[in-house]
Each structure stands twice: as structure tokens, then as C-alpha cells.
């Protein structure tokens, strides 16, 4: 196989996984907010148990999404270097913003959530 084809196949796998996990973690986050709200409103312990269960799934999904995002950003520079040279000024700012928000803010809030809802993890 040609190196260019292999690079494109590698990028396709990375993008495919990255397209699955971040939206999935957003949906699971919404489920957790609803269940935690129902727990606070009703006091039913089943909602708290469900929230803690989905929190573990959310943390794993978020970690996979971050890992594929980091790999994807490096692949833009290695596998698509000529493309990055031409659109880097425009596309680079979007990748930098994603890095700040996904790896900075979201990771911080996930850490606070894990320490608040699941103290047995620490």
C-alpha cells in the first residue's frame, strides 16, 4: 500500500471515533443533568444511583473523546501538512479553541464532578 493511502485510512479511523465519542458524552451529560435534577426534586435514591452509573460511563467516554482529539490534531500536522500550511491560519485557531475548551474547561469541570458525586474514586 501507498503511504498516502495508509495515512488517510489512519485519519479516517481517528475521525470516525472522534465523531462518535464527543457527541455521545454530550448526550450522556444531558442524561446526567436530568437524572440529578429528578433526584434533587423527588429525593428518590434510584435517580442518584443512575446518575452515579452514568457518571462512570461519561468519564470513560470523555477520556476516549479527548484521546482521539489529541491524536486528530497531531494527524492534521503530520498527515495533512500541505493542507495545514494553506489553512493553518484559519483552522489553527479553531483547534486551539478546542484544546482550551475541551482539555481545559471540560476536564476541570469533569474533575469537580467526579470528586463531588463519586468520592470513592479518589
PDB file of N, CA and C in Angstrom:
ATOM      1  N   UNK A   1       0.826  -1.192   0.000  1.00  0.00           N
ATOM      2  CA  UNK A   1       0.000   0.000   0.000  1.00  0.00           C
ATOM      3  C   UNK A   1       0.868   1.252   0.000  1.00  0.00           C
ATOM      4  N   UNK A   2       0.310   2.279  -0.549  1.00  0.00           N
ATOM      5  CA  UNK A   2       0.988   3.560  -0.605  1.00  0.00           C
ATOM      6  C   UNK A   2       0.900   4.246   0.761  1.00  0.00           C
ATOM      7  N   UNK A   3       1.914   5.003   1.113  1.00  0.00           N
ATOM      8  CA  UNK A   3       1.951   5.692   2.404  1.00  0.00           C
ATOM      9  C   UNK A   3       0.806   6.696   2.519  1.00  0.00           C
ATOM     10  N   UNK A   4       0.471   7.334   1.431  1.00  0.00           N
ATOM     11  CA  UNK A   4      -0.613   8.314   1.450  1.00  0.00           C
ATOM     12  C   UNK A   4      -1.953   7.648   1.774  1.00  0.00           C
ATOM     13  N   UNK A   5      -2.194   6.486   1.203  1.00  0.00           N
ATOM     14  CA  UNK A   5      -3.438   5.754   1.484  1.00  0.00           C
ATOM     15  C   UNK A   5      -3.479   5.318   2.947  1.00  0.00           C
ATOM     16  N   UNK A   6      -2.352   4.841   3.461  1.00  0.00           N
ATOM     17  CA  UNK A   6      -2.306   4.430   4.862  1.00  0.00           C
ATOM     18  C   UNK A   6      -2.561   5.609   5.794  1.00  0.00           C
ATOM     19  N   UNK A   7      -2.013   6.769   5.466  1.00  0.00           N
ATOM     20  CA  UNK A   7      -2.245   7.954   6.279  1.00  0.00           C
ATOM     21  C   UNK A   7      -3.719   8.354   6.258  1.00  0.00           C
ATOM     22  N   UNK A   8      -4.349   8.227   5.113  1.00  0.00           N
ATOM     23  CA  UNK A   8      -5.770   8.562   5.015  1.00  0.00           C
ATOM     24  C   UNK A   8      -6.647   7.566   5.767  1.00  0.00           C
ATOM     25  N   UNK A   9      -6.274   6.287   5.728  1.00  0.00           N
ATOM     26  CA  UNK A   9      -7.017   5.272   6.479  1.00  0.00           C
ATOM     27  C   UNK A   9      -6.873   5.531   7.982  1.00  0.00           C
ATOM     28  N   UNK A  10      -5.663   5.854   8.414  1.00  0.00           N
ATOM     29  CA  UNK A  10      -5.426   6.170   9.824  1.00  0.00           C
ATOM     30  C   UNK A  10      -6.264   7.381  10.250  1.00  0.00           C
ATOM     31  N   UNK A  11      -6.273   8.409   9.435  1.00  0.00           N
ATOM     32  CA  UNK A  11      -7.044   9.602   9.743  1.00  0.00           C
ATOM     33  C   UNK A  11      -8.541   9.300   9.754  1.00  0.00           C
ATOM     34  N   UNK A  12      -8.996   8.441   8.839  1.00  0.00           N
ATOM     35  CA  UNK A  12     -10.415   8.074   8.794  1.00  0.00           C
ATOM     36  C   UNK A  12     -10.840   7.358  10.070  1.00  0.00           C
ATOM     37  N   UNK A  13     -10.012   6.445  10.576  1.00  0.00           N
ATOM     38  CA  UNK A  13     -10.342   5.767  11.822  1.00  0.00           C
ATOM     39  C   UNK A  13     -10.385   6.741  12.996  1.00  0.00           C
ATOM     40  N   UNK A  14      -9.425   7.648  13.044  1.00  0.00           N
ATOM     41  CA  UNK A  14      -9.389   8.619  14.135  1.00  0.00           C
ATOM     42  C   UNK A  14     -10.609   9.525  14.093  1.00  0.00           C
ATOM     43  N   UNK A  15     -10.953  10.025  12.931  1.00  0.00           N
ATOM     44  CA  UNK A  15     -12.116  10.906  12.789  1.00  0.00           C
ATOM     45  C   UNK A  15     -13.397  10.149  13.102  1.00  0.00           C
ATOM     46  N   UNK A  16     -13.483   8.889  12.676  1.00  0.00           N
ATOM     47  CA  UNK A  16     -14.690   8.104  12.948  1.00  0.00           C
ATOM     48  C   UNK A  16     -14.918   7.957  14.454  1.00  0.00           C
ATOM     49  N   UNK A  17     -13.861   7.650  15.193  1.00  0.00           N
ATOM     50  CA  UNK A  17     -14.008   7.530  16.638  1.00  0.00           C
ATOM     51  C   UNK A  17     -14.274   8.881  17.289  1.00  0.00           C
ATOM     52  N   UNK A  18     -13.641   9.924  16.780  1.00  0.00           N
ATOM     53  CA  UNK A  18     -13.842  11.247  17.371  1.00  0.00           C
ATOM     54  C   UNK A  18     -15.247  11.770  17.071  1.00  0.00           C
ATOM     55  N   UNK A  19     -15.836  11.364  15.960  1.00  0.00           N
ATOM     56  CA  UNK A  19     -17.206  11.767  15.656  1.00  0.00           C
ATOM     57  C   UNK A  19     -18.215  11.041  16.535  1.00  0.00           C
ATOM     58  N   UNK A  20     -17.844   9.908  17.104  1.00  0.00           N
ATOM     59  CA  UNK A  20     -18.756   9.145  17.948  1.00  0.00           C
ATOM     60  C   UNK A  20     -18.719   9.628  19.391  1.00  0.00           C
ATOM     61  N   UNK A  21     -17.537   9.738  19.973  1.00  0.00           N
ATOM     62  CA  UNK A  21     -17.431   9.898  21.419  1.00  0.00           C
ATOM     63  C   UNK A  21     -17.759  11.291  21.962  1.00  0.00           C
ATOM     64  N   UNK A  22     -17.308  12.399  21.391  1.00  0.00           N
ATOM     65  CA  UNK A  22     -17.723  13.693  21.958  1.00  0.00           C
ATOM     66  C   UNK A  22     -19.232  13.947  21.923  1.00  0.00           C
ATOM     67  N   UNK A  23     -19.934  13.665  20.804  1.00  0.00           N
ATOM     68  CA  UNK A  23     -21.396  13.850  20.875  1.00  0.00           C
ATOM     69  C   UNK A  23     -22.062  12.889  21.853  1.00  0.00           C
ATOM     70  N   UNK A  24     -21.524  11.695  21.973  1.00  0.00           N
ATOM     71  CA  UNK A  24     -22.063  10.745  22.939  1.00  0.00           C
ATOM     72  C   UNK A  24     -21.895  11.260  24.363  1.00  0.00           C
ATOM     73  N   UNK A  25     -20.742  11.858  24.655  1.00  0.00           N
ATOM     74  CA  UNK A  25     -20.539  12.402  26.003  1.00  0.00           C
ATOM     75  C   UNK A  25     -21.435  13.609  26.255  1.00  0.00           C
ATOM     76  N   UNK A  26     -21.742  14.378  25.235  1.00  0.00           N
ATOM     77  CA  UNK A  26     -22.678  15.494  25.399  1.00  0.00           C
ATOM     78  C   UNK A  26     -24.071  14.968  25.741  1.00  0.00           C
ATOM     79  N   UNK A  27     -24.504  13.927  25.047  1.00  0.00           N
ATOM     80  CA  UNK A  27     -25.807  13.326  25.330  1.00  0.00           C
ATOM     81  C   UNK A  27     -25.869  12.704  26.714  1.00  0.00           C
ATOM     82  N   UNK A  28     -24.807  12.017  27.123  1.00  0.00           N
ATOM     83  CA  UNK A  28     -24.771  11.418  28.450  1.00  0.00           C
ATOM     84  C   UNK A  28     -24.776  12.514  29.519  1.00  0.00           C
ATOM     85  N   UNK A  29     -24.103  13.630  29.244  1.00  0.00           N
ATOM     86  CA  UNK A  29     -24.136  14.755  30.173  1.00  0.00           C
ATOM     87  C   UNK A  29     -25.551  15.278  30.377  1.00  0.00           C
ATOM     88  N   UNK A  30     -26.320  15.355  29.294  1.00  0.00           N
ATOM     89  CA  UNK A  30     -27.712  15.790  29.396  1.00  0.00           C
ATOM     90  C   UNK A  30     -28.527  14.793  30.212  1.00  0.00           C
ATOM     91  N   UNK A  31     -28.310  13.504  29.987  1.00  0.00           N
ATOM     92  CA  UNK A  31     -28.994  12.471  30.775  1.00  0.00           C
ATOM     93  C   UNK A  31     -28.664  12.628  32.253  1.00  0.00           C
ATOM     94  N   UNK A  32     -27.392  12.887  32.551  1.00  0.00           N
ATOM     95  CA  UNK A  32     -26.995  13.043  33.956  1.00  0.00           C
ATOM     96  C   UNK A  32     -27.634  14.276  34.594  1.00  0.00           C
ATOM     97  N   UNK A  33     -27.733  15.358  33.865  1.00  0.00           N
ATOM     98  CA  UNK A  33     -28.361  16.570  34.399  1.00  0.00           C
ATOM     99  C   UNK A  33     -29.836  16.298  34.701  1.00  0.00           C
ATOM    100  N   UNK A  34     -30.513  15.612  33.791  1.00  0.00           N
ATOM    101  CA  UNK A  34     -31.930  15.303  34.006  1.00  0.00           C
ATOM    102  C   UNK A  34     -32.103  14.398  35.225  1.00  0.00           C
ATOM    103  N   UNK A  35     -31.283  13.351  35.312  1.00  0.00           N
ATOM    104  CA  UNK A  35     -31.422  12.419  36.439  1.00  0.00           C
ATOM    105  C   UNK A  35     -31.047  13.063  37.772  1.00  0.00           C
ATOM    106  N   UNK A  36     -30.031  13.890  37.777  1.00  0.00           N
ATOM    107  CA  UNK A  36     -29.665  14.579  39.014  1.00  0.00           C
ATOM    108  C   UNK A  36     -30.753  15.575  39.411  1.00  0.00           C
ATOM    109  N   UNK A  37     -31.352  16.242  38.434  1.00  0.00           N
ATOM    110  CA  UNK A  37     -32.461  17.150  38.721  1.00  0.00           C
ATOM    111  C   UNK A  37     -33.663  16.409  39.288  1.00  0.00           C
ATOM    112  N   UNK A  38     -33.964  15.239  38.712  1.00  0.00           N
ATOM    113  CA  UNK A  38     -35.060  14.432  39.248  1.00  0.00           C
ATOM    114  C   UNK A  38     -34.763  13.949  40.658  1.00  0.00           C
ATOM    115  N   UNK A  39     -33.495  13.628  40.923  1.00  0.00           N
ATOM    116  CA  UNK A  39     -33.127  13.213  42.273  1.00  0.00           C
ATOM    117  C   UNK A  39     -33.301  14.362  43.268  1.00  0.00           C
ATOM    118  N   UNK A  40     -32.857  15.537  42.874  1.00  0.00           N
ATOM    119  CA  UNK A  40     -32.992  16.688  43.769  1.00  0.00           C
ATOM    120  C   UNK A  40     -34.456  17.080  43.976  1.00  0.00           C
ATOM    121  N   UNK A  41     -35.284  16.891  42.938  1.00  0.00           N
ATOM    122  CA  UNK A  41     -36.696  17.254  43.032  1.00  0.00           C
ATOM    123  C   UNK A  41     -37.490  16.235  43.841  1.00  0.00           C
ATOM    124  N   UNK A  42     -37.253  14.941  43.586  1.00  0.00           N
ATOM    125  CA  UNK A  42     -38.071  13.900  44.212  1.00  0.00           C
ATOM    126  C   UNK A  42     -37.420  13.284  45.447  1.00  0.00           C
ATOM    127  N   UNK A  43     -36.091  13.296  45.524  1.00  0.00           N
ATOM    128  CA  UNK A  43     -35.404  12.638  46.632  1.00  0.00           C
ATOM    129  C   UNK A  43     -35.313  11.130  46.464  1.00  0.00           C
ATOM    130  N   UNK A  44     -35.697  10.618  45.298  1.00  0.00           N
ATOM    131  CA  UNK A  44     -35.667   9.184  45.017  1.00  0.00           C
ATOM    132  C   UNK A  44     -34.211   8.742  44.824  1.00  0.00           C
ATOM    133  N   UNK A  45     -33.757   7.788  45.614  1.00  0.00           N
ATOM    134  CA  UNK A  45     -32.359   7.337  45.568  1.00  0.00           C
ATOM    135  C   UNK A  45     -32.023   6.617  44.261  1.00  0.00           C
ATOM    136  N   UNK A  46     -33.021   6.095  43.560  1.00  0.00           N
ATOM    137  CA  UNK A  46     -32.752   5.417  42.283  1.00  0.00           C
ATOM    138  C   UNK A  46     -32.156   6.380  41.262  1.00  0.00           C
ATOM    139  N   UNK A  47     -32.610   7.613  41.278  1.00  0.00           N
ATOM    140  CA  UNK A  47     -32.051   8.614  40.359  1.00  0.00           C
ATOM    141  C   UNK A  47     -30.591   8.915  40.701  1.00  0.00           C
ATOM    142  N   UNK A  48     -30.265   8.921  41.973  1.00  0.00           N
ATOM    143  CA  UNK A  48     -28.875   9.143  42.373  1.00  0.00           C
ATOM    144  C   UNK A  48     -27.993   7.990  41.923  1.00  0.00           C
ATOM    145  N   UNK A  49     -28.493   6.755  42.061  1.00  0.00           N
ATOM    146  CA  UNK A  49     -27.735   5.574  41.620  1.00  0.00           C
ATOM    147  C   UNK A  49     -27.536   5.621  40.102  1.00  0.00           C
ATOM    148  N   UNK A  50     -28.581   5.990  39.376  1.00  0.00           N
ATOM    149  CA  UNK A  50     -28.464   6.103  37.924  1.00  0.00           C
ATOM    150  C   UNK A  50     -27.470   7.196  37.522  1.00  0.00           C
ATOM    151  N   UNK A  51     -27.491   8.316  38.233  1.00  0.00           N
ATOM    152  CA  UNK A  51     -26.548   9.395  37.934  1.00  0.00           C
ATOM    153  C   UNK A  51     -25.117   8.939  38.153  1.00  0.00           C
ATOM    154  N   UNK A  52     -24.878   8.230  39.240  1.00  0.00           N
ATOM    155  CA  UNK A  52     -23.518   7.736  39.512  1.00  0.00           C
ATOM    156  C   UNK A  52     -23.079   6.706  38.483  1.00  0.00           C
ATOM    157  N   UNK A  53     -23.998   5.861  38.027  1.00  0.00           N
ATOM    158  CA  UNK A  53     -23.668   4.888  36.976  1.00  0.00           C
ATOM    159  C   UNK A  53     -23.285   5.603  35.688  1.00  0.00           C
ATOM    160  N   UNK A  54     -24.126   6.563  35.259  1.00  0.00           N
ATOM    161  CA  UNK A  54     -23.853   7.268  34.014  1.00  0.00           C
ATOM    162  C   UNK A  54     -22.621   8.166  34.117  1.00  0.00           C
ATOM    163  N   UNK A  55     -22.284   8.578  35.335  1.00  0.00           N
ATOM    164  CA  UNK A  55     -21.069   9.365  35.525  1.00  0.00           C
ATOM    165  C   UNK A  55     -19.829   8.559  35.142  1.00  0.00           C
ATOM    166  N   UNK A  56     -19.809   7.288  35.506  1.00  0.00           N
ATOM    167  CA  UNK A  56     -18.670   6.440  35.152  1.00  0.00           C
ATOM    168  C   UNK A  56     -18.584   6.249  33.635  1.00  0.00           C
ATOM    169  N   UNK A  57     -19.721   6.015  32.996  1.00  0.00           N
ATOM    170  CA  UNK A  57     -19.746   5.886  31.530  1.00  0.00           C
ATOM    171  C   UNK A  57     -19.316   7.199  30.883  1.00  0.00           C
ATOM    172  N   UNK A  58     -19.784   8.317  31.437  1.00  0.00           N
ATOM    173  CA  UNK A  58     -19.430   9.637  30.918  1.00  0.00           C
ATOM    174  C   UNK A  58     -17.928   9.882  31.004  1.00  0.00           C
ATOM    175  N   UNK A  59     -17.318   9.523  32.119  1.00  0.00           N
ATOM    176  CA  UNK A  59     -15.878   9.749  32.295  1.00  0.00           C
ATOM    177  C   UNK A  59     -15.074   8.934  31.276  1.00  0.00           C
ATOM    178  N   UNK A  60     -15.461   7.692  31.063  1.00  0.00           N
ATOM    179  CA  UNK A  60     -14.758   6.851  30.079  1.00  0.00           C
ATOM    180  C   UNK A  60     -14.940   7.415  28.674  1.00  0.00           C
ATOM    181  N   UNK A  61     -16.173   7.774  28.334  1.00  0.00           N
ATOM    182  CA  UNK A  61     -16.461   8.326  27.008  1.00  0.00           C
ATOM    183  C   UNK A  61     -15.712   9.638  26.784  1.00  0.00           C
ATOM    184  N   UNK A  62     -15.678  10.476  27.795  1.00  0.00           N
ATOM    185  CA  UNK A  62     -14.960  11.744  27.682  1.00  0.00           C
ATOM    186  C   UNK A  62     -13.470  11.500  27.476  1.00  0.00           C
ATOM    187  N   UNK A  63     -12.904  10.555  28.211  1.00  0.00           N
ATOM    188  CA  UNK A  63     -11.480  10.234  28.052  1.00  0.00           C
ATOM    189  C   UNK A  63     -11.138   9.742  26.659  1.00  0.00           C
ATOM    190  N   UNK A  64     -11.979   8.903  26.102  1.00  0.00           N
ATOM    191  CA  UNK A  64     -11.739   8.414  24.737  1.00  0.00           C
ATOM    192  C   UNK A  64     -11.871   9.560  23.740  1.00  0.00           C
ATOM    193  N   UNK A  65     -12.850  10.441  23.952  1.00  0.00           N
ATOM    194  CA  UNK A  65     -13.012  11.601  23.064  1.00  0.00           C
ATOM    195  C   UNK A  65     -11.808  12.525  23.102  1.00  0.00           C
ATOM    196  N   UNK A  66     -11.255  12.750  24.282  1.00  0.00           N
ATOM    197  CA  UNK A  66     -10.061  13.598  24.413  1.00  0.00           C
ATOM    198  C   UNK A  66      -8.865  12.928  23.736  1.00  0.00           C
ATOM    199  N   UNK A  67      -8.710  11.631  23.958  1.00  0.00           N
ATOM    200  CA  UNK A  67      -7.574  10.919  23.355  1.00  0.00           C
ATOM    201  C   UNK A  67      -7.636  10.962  21.837  1.00  0.00           C
ATOM    202  N   UNK A  68      -8.812  10.732  21.262  1.00  0.00           N
ATOM    203  CA  UNK A  68      -8.914  10.791  19.805  1.00  0.00           C
ATOM    204  C   UNK A  68      -8.748  12.206  19.293  1.00  0.00           C
ATOM    205  N   UNK A  69      -9.165  13.205  20.087  1.00  0.00           N
ATOM    206  CA  UNK A  69      -8.980  14.599  19.671  1.00  0.00           C
ATOM    207  C   UNK A  69      -7.523  15.005  19.627  1.00  0.00           C
ATOM    208  N   UNK A  70      -6.753  14.556  20.600  1.00  0.00           N
ATOM    209  CA  UNK A  70      -5.317  14.862  20.604  1.00  0.00           C
ATOM    210  C   UNK A  70      -4.633  14.208  19.404  1.00  0.00           C
ATOM    211  N   UNK A  71      -4.953  12.948  19.167  1.00  0.00           N
ATOM    212  CA  UNK A  71      -4.368  12.250  18.020  1.00  0.00           C
ATOM    213  C   UNK A  71      -4.765  12.931  16.728  1.00  0.00           C
ATOM    214  N   UNK A  72      -6.019  13.343  16.633  1.00  0.00           N
ATOM    215  CA  UNK A  72      -6.507  14.002  15.422  1.00  0.00           C
ATOM    216  C   UNK A  72      -5.752  15.302  15.148  1.00  0.00           C
ATOM    217  N   UNK A  73      -5.488  16.080  16.189  1.00  0.00           N
ATOM    218  CA  UNK A  73      -4.768  17.336  15.983  1.00  0.00           C
ATOM    219  C   UNK A  73      -3.340  17.101  15.507  1.00  0.00           C
ATOM    220  N   UNK A  74      -2.697  16.063  16.025  1.00  0.00           N
ATOM    221  CA  UNK A  74      -1.357  15.750  15.539  1.00  0.00           C
ATOM    222  C   UNK A  74      -1.391  15.234  14.100  1.00  0.00           C
ATOM    223  N   UNK A  75      -2.437  14.494  13.755  1.00  0.00           N
ATOM    224  CA  UNK A  75      -2.540  13.993  12.386  1.00  0.00           C
ATOM    225  C   UNK A  75      -2.748  15.116  11.376  1.00  0.00           C
ATOM    226  N   UNK A  76      -3.399  16.183  11.793  1.00  0.00           N
ATOM    227  CA  UNK A  76      -3.520  17.327  10.884  1.00  0.00           C
ATOM    228  C   UNK A  76      -2.142  17.864  10.518  1.00  0.00           C
ATOM    229  N   UNK A  77      -1.227  17.866  11.459  1.00  0.00           N
ATOM    230  CA  UNK A  77       0.114  18.380  11.186  1.00  0.00           C
ATOM    231  C   UNK A  77       1.009  17.393  10.475  1.00  0.00           C
ATOM    232  N   UNK A  78       0.831  16.094  10.736  1.00  0.00           N
ATOM    233  CA  UNK A  78       1.720  15.105  10.127  1.00  0.00           C
ATOM    234  C   UNK A  78       1.177  14.555   8.814  1.00  0.00           C
ATOM    235  N   UNK A  79      -0.080  14.129   8.808  1.00  0.00           N
ATOM    236  CA  UNK A  79      -0.645  13.505   7.616  1.00  0.00           C
ATOM    237  C   UNK A  79      -1.159  14.513   6.601  1.00  0.00           C
ATOM    238  N   UNK A  80      -1.486  15.700   7.043  1.00  0.00           N
ATOM    239  CA  UNK A  80      -2.058  16.713   6.172  1.00  0.00           C
ATOM    240  C   UNK A  80      -1.232  18.000   6.251  1.00  0.00           C
ATOM    241  N   UNK A  81       0.066  17.868   6.179  1.00  0.00           N
ATOM    242  CA  UNK A  81       0.956  19.019   6.365  1.00  0.00           C
ATOM    243  C   UNK A  81       0.750  20.092   5.298  1.00  0.00           C
ATOM    244  N   UNK A  82       0.587  19.711   4.046  1.00  0.00           N
ATOM    245  CA  UNK A  82       0.404  20.704   2.979  1.00  0.00           C
ATOM    246  C   UNK A  82      -0.928  21.419   3.165  1.00  0.00           C
ATOM    247  N   UNK A  83      -1.970  20.667   3.518  1.00  0.00           N
ATOM    248  CA  UNK A  83      -3.283  21.270   3.790  1.00  0.00           C
ATOM    249  C   UNK A  83      -3.191  22.240   4.971  1.00  0.00           C
ATOM    250  N   UNK A  84      -2.498  21.804   6.025  1.00  0.00           N
ATOM    251  CA  UNK A  84      -2.354  22.649   7.215  1.00  0.00           C
ATOM    252  C   UNK A  84      -1.563  23.912   6.911  1.00  0.00           C
ATOM    253  N   UNK A  85      -0.634  23.819   5.961  1.00  0.00           N
ATOM    254  CA  UNK A  85       0.152  25.002   5.604  1.00  0.00           C
ATOM    255  C   UNK A  85      -0.737  26.079   4.988  1.00  0.00           C
ATOM    256  N   UNK A  86      -1.708  25.669   4.181  1.00  0.00           N
ATOM    257  CA  UNK A  86      -2.562  26.636   3.496  1.00  0.00           C
ATOM    258  C   UNK A  86      -3.716  27.138   4.362  1.00  0.00           C
ATOM    259  N   UNK A  87      -4.278  26.287   5.205  1.00  0.00           N
ATOM    260  CA  UNK A  87      -5.437  26.702   6.004  1.00  0.00           C
ATOM    261  C   UNK A  87      -5.109  26.816   7.491  1.00  0.00           C
ATOM    262  N   UNK A  88      -3.846  26.737   7.835  1.00  0.00           N
ATOM    263  CA  UNK A  88      -3.448  26.749   9.233  1.00  0.00           C
ATOM    264  C   UNK A  88      -3.821  28.007   9.972  1.00  0.00           C
ATOM    265  N   UNK A  89      -3.777  29.150   9.289  1.00  0.00           N
ATOM    266  CA  UNK A  89      -4.130  30.412   9.954  1.00  0.00           C
ATOM    267  C   UNK A  89      -5.614  30.449  10.334  1.00  0.00           C
ATOM    268  N   UNK A  90      -6.443  29.809   9.542  1.00  0.00           N
ATOM    269  CA  UNK A  90      -7.878  29.788   9.820  1.00  0.00           C
ATOM    270  C   UNK A  90      -8.233  28.613  10.726  1.00  0.00           C
ATOM    271  N   UNK A  91      -7.741  27.445  10.381  1.00  0.00           N
ATOM    272  CA  UNK A  91      -8.094  26.219  11.085  1.00  0.00           C
ATOM    273  C   UNK A  91      -7.358  26.083  12.419  1.00  0.00           C
ATOM    274  N   UNK A  92      -6.200  26.694  12.513  1.00  0.00           N
ATOM    275  CA  UNK A  92      -5.410  26.594  13.741  1.00  0.00           C
ATOM    276  C   UNK A  92      -6.085  27.236  14.933  1.00  0.00           C
ATOM    277  N   UNK A  93      -6.771  28.344  14.712  1.00  0.00           N
ATOM    278  CA  UNK A  93      -7.457  28.995  15.828  1.00  0.00           C
ATOM    279  C   UNK A  93      -8.609  28.140  16.349  1.00  0.00           C
ATOM    280  N   UNK A  94      -9.304  27.429  15.460  1.00  0.00           N
ATOM    281  CA  UNK A  94     -10.382  26.537  15.901  1.00  0.00           C
ATOM    282  C   UNK A  94      -9.825  25.371  16.711  1.00  0.00           C
ATOM    283  N   UNK A  95      -8.693  24.830  16.277  1.00  0.00           N
ATOM    284  CA  UNK A  95      -8.070  23.735  17.026  1.00  0.00           C
ATOM    285  C   UNK A  95      -7.539  24.228  18.374  1.00  0.00           C
ATOM    286  N   UNK A  96      -7.027  25.433  18.409  1.00  0.00           N
ATOM    287  CA  UNK A  96      -6.558  25.986  19.685  1.00  0.00           C
ATOM    288  C   UNK A  96      -7.721  26.207  20.639  1.00  0.00           C
ATOM    289  N   UNK A  97      -8.838  26.702  20.132  1.00  0.00           N
ATOM    290  CA  UNK A  97     -10.021  26.892  20.974  1.00  0.00           C
ATOM    291  C   UNK A  97     -10.538  25.557  21.485  1.00  0.00           C
ATOM    292  N   UNK A  98     -10.521  24.538  20.635  1.00  0.00           N
ATOM    293  CA  UNK A  98     -10.948  23.209  21.080  1.00  0.00           C
ATOM    294  C   UNK A  98     -10.021  22.687  22.169  1.00  0.00           C
ATOM    295  N   UNK A  99      -8.756  22.930  22.009  1.00  0.00           N
ATOM    296  CA  UNK A  99      -7.809  22.496  23.036  1.00  0.00           C
ATOM    297  C   UNK A  99      -8.045  23.195  24.361  1.00  0.00           C
ATOM    298  N   UNK A 100      -8.304  24.504  24.301  1.00  0.00           N
ATOM    299  CA  UNK A 100      -8.573  25.240  25.539  1.00  0.00           C
ATOM    300  C   UNK A 100      -9.860  24.778  26.205  1.00  0.00           C
ATOM    301  N   UNK A 101     -10.913  24.630  25.413  1.00  0.00           N
ATOM    302  CA  UNK A 101     -12.209  24.288  26.000  1.00  0.00           C
ATOM    303  C   UNK A 101     -12.287  22.819  26.383  1.00  0.00           C
ATOM    304  N   UNK A 102     -11.910  21.932  25.464  1.00  0.00           N
ATOM    305  CA  UNK A 102     -12.059  20.501  25.729  1.00  0.00           C
ATOM    306  C   UNK A 102     -11.073  20.012  26.780  1.00  0.00           C
ATOM    307  N   UNK A 103      -9.834  20.410  26.645  1.00  0.00           N
ATOM    308  CA  UNK A 103      -8.822  19.876  27.549  1.00  0.00           C
ATOM    309  C   UNK A 103      -8.694  20.719  28.810  1.00  0.00           C
ATOM    310  N   UNK A 104      -9.133  21.943  28.776  1.00  0.00           N
ATOM    311  CA  UNK A 104      -9.012  22.805  29.941  1.00  0.00           C
ATOM    312  C   UNK A 104     -10.285  22.866  30.750  1.00  0.00           C
ATOM    313  N   UNK A 105     -11.293  23.536  30.208  1.00  0.00           N
ATOM    314  CA  UNK A 105     -12.527  23.744  30.954  1.00  0.00           C
ATOM    315  C   UNK A 105     -13.281  22.448  31.231  1.00  0.00           C
ATOM    316  N   UNK A 106     -13.509  21.652  30.190  1.00  0.00           N
ATOM    317  CA  UNK A 106     -14.293  20.432  30.383  1.00  0.00           C
ATOM    318  C   UNK A 106     -13.600  19.451  31.314  1.00  0.00           C
ATOM    319  N   UNK A 107     -12.293  19.341  31.217  1.00  0.00           N
ATOM    320  CA  UNK A 107     -11.570  18.443  32.115  1.00  0.00           C
ATOM    321  C   UNK A 107     -11.645  18.930  33.555  1.00  0.00           C
ATOM    322  N   UNK A 108     -11.581  20.234  33.751  1.00  0.00           N
ATOM    323  CA  UNK A 108     -11.703  20.788  35.094  1.00  0.00           C
ATOM    324  C   UNK A 108     -13.086  20.507  35.673  1.00  0.00           C
ATOM    325  N   UNK A 109     -14.112  20.757  34.883  1.00  0.00           N
ATOM    326  CA  UNK A 109     -15.466  20.510  35.368  1.00  0.00           C
ATOM    327  C   UNK A 109     -15.727  19.024  35.580  1.00  0.00           C
ATOM    328  N   UNK A 110     -15.157  18.163  34.734  1.00  0.00           N
ATOM    329  CA  UNK A 110     -15.305  16.719  34.942  1.00  0.00           C
ATOM    330  C   UNK A 110     -14.620  16.300  36.234  1.00  0.00           C
ATOM    331  N   UNK A 111     -13.461  16.862  36.523  1.00  0.00           N
ATOM    332  CA  UNK A 111     -12.774  16.557  37.778  1.00  0.00           C
ATOM    333  C   UNK A 111     -13.589  16.980  38.990  1.00  0.00           C
ATOM    334  N   UNK A 112     -14.177  18.171  38.927  1.00  0.00           N
ATOM    335  CA  UNK A 112     -15.024  18.633  40.033  1.00  0.00           C
ATOM    336  C   UNK A 112     -16.229  17.716  40.189  1.00  0.00           C
ATOM    337  N   UNK A 113     -16.833  17.330  39.075  1.00  0.00           N
ATOM    338  CA  UNK A 113     -17.990  16.440  39.114  1.00  0.00           C
ATOM    339  C   UNK A 113     -17.633  15.084  39.704  1.00  0.00           C
ATOM    340  N   UNK A 114     -16.495  14.541  39.304  1.00  0.00           N
ATOM    341  CA  UNK A 114     -16.079  13.242  39.831  1.00  0.00           C
ATOM    342  C   UNK A 114     -15.810  13.312  41.325  1.00  0.00           C
ATOM    343  N   UNK A 115     -15.165  14.362  41.801  1.00  0.00           N
ATOM    344  CA  UNK A 115     -14.881  14.498  43.222  1.00  0.00           C
ATOM    345  C   UNK A 115     -16.153  14.781  44.029  1.00  0.00           C
ATOM    346  N   UNK A 116     -17.130  15.449  43.401  1.00  0.00           N
ATOM    347  CA  UNK A 116     -18.347  15.793  44.117  1.00  0.00           C
ATOM    348  C   UNK A 116     -19.315  14.616  44.167  1.00  0.00           C
ATOM    349  N   UNK A 117     -19.567  13.958  43.038  1.00  0.00           N
ATOM    350  CA  UNK A 117     -20.545  12.879  43.005  1.00  0.00           C
ATOM    351  C   UNK A 117     -19.979  11.518  43.363  1.00  0.00           C
ATOM    352  N   UNK A 118     -18.714  11.309  43.110  1.00  0.00           N
ATOM    353  CA  UNK A 118     -18.138   9.972  43.301  1.00  0.00           C
ATOM    354  C   UNK A 118     -16.870  10.063  44.141  1.00  0.00           C
ATOM    355  N   UNK A 119     -16.982  10.345  45.439  1.00  0.00           N
ATOM    356  CA  UNK A 119     -15.780  10.475  46.263  1.00  0.00           C
ATOM    357  C   UNK A 119     -15.024   9.152  46.444  1.00  0.00           C
ATOM    358  N   UNK A 120     -15.669   8.021  46.160  1.00  0.00           N
ATOM    359  CA  UNK A 120     -14.973   6.736  46.308  1.00  0.00           C
ATOM    360  C   UNK A 120     -13.927   6.528  45.220  1.00  0.00           C
ATOM    361  N   UNK A 121     -13.974   7.307  44.122  1.00  0.00           N
ATOM    362  CA  UNK A 121     -12.972   7.188  43.058  1.00  0.00           C
ATOM    363  C   UNK A 121     -11.621   7.678  43.560  1.00  0.00           C
ATOM    364  N   UNK A 122     -11.625   8.751  44.353  1.00  0.00           N
ATOM    365  CA  UNK A 122     -10.377   9.308  44.863  1.00  0.00           C
ATOM    366  C   UNK A 122      -9.986   8.514  46.042  1.00  0.00           C
TER     367      UNK A 122
END
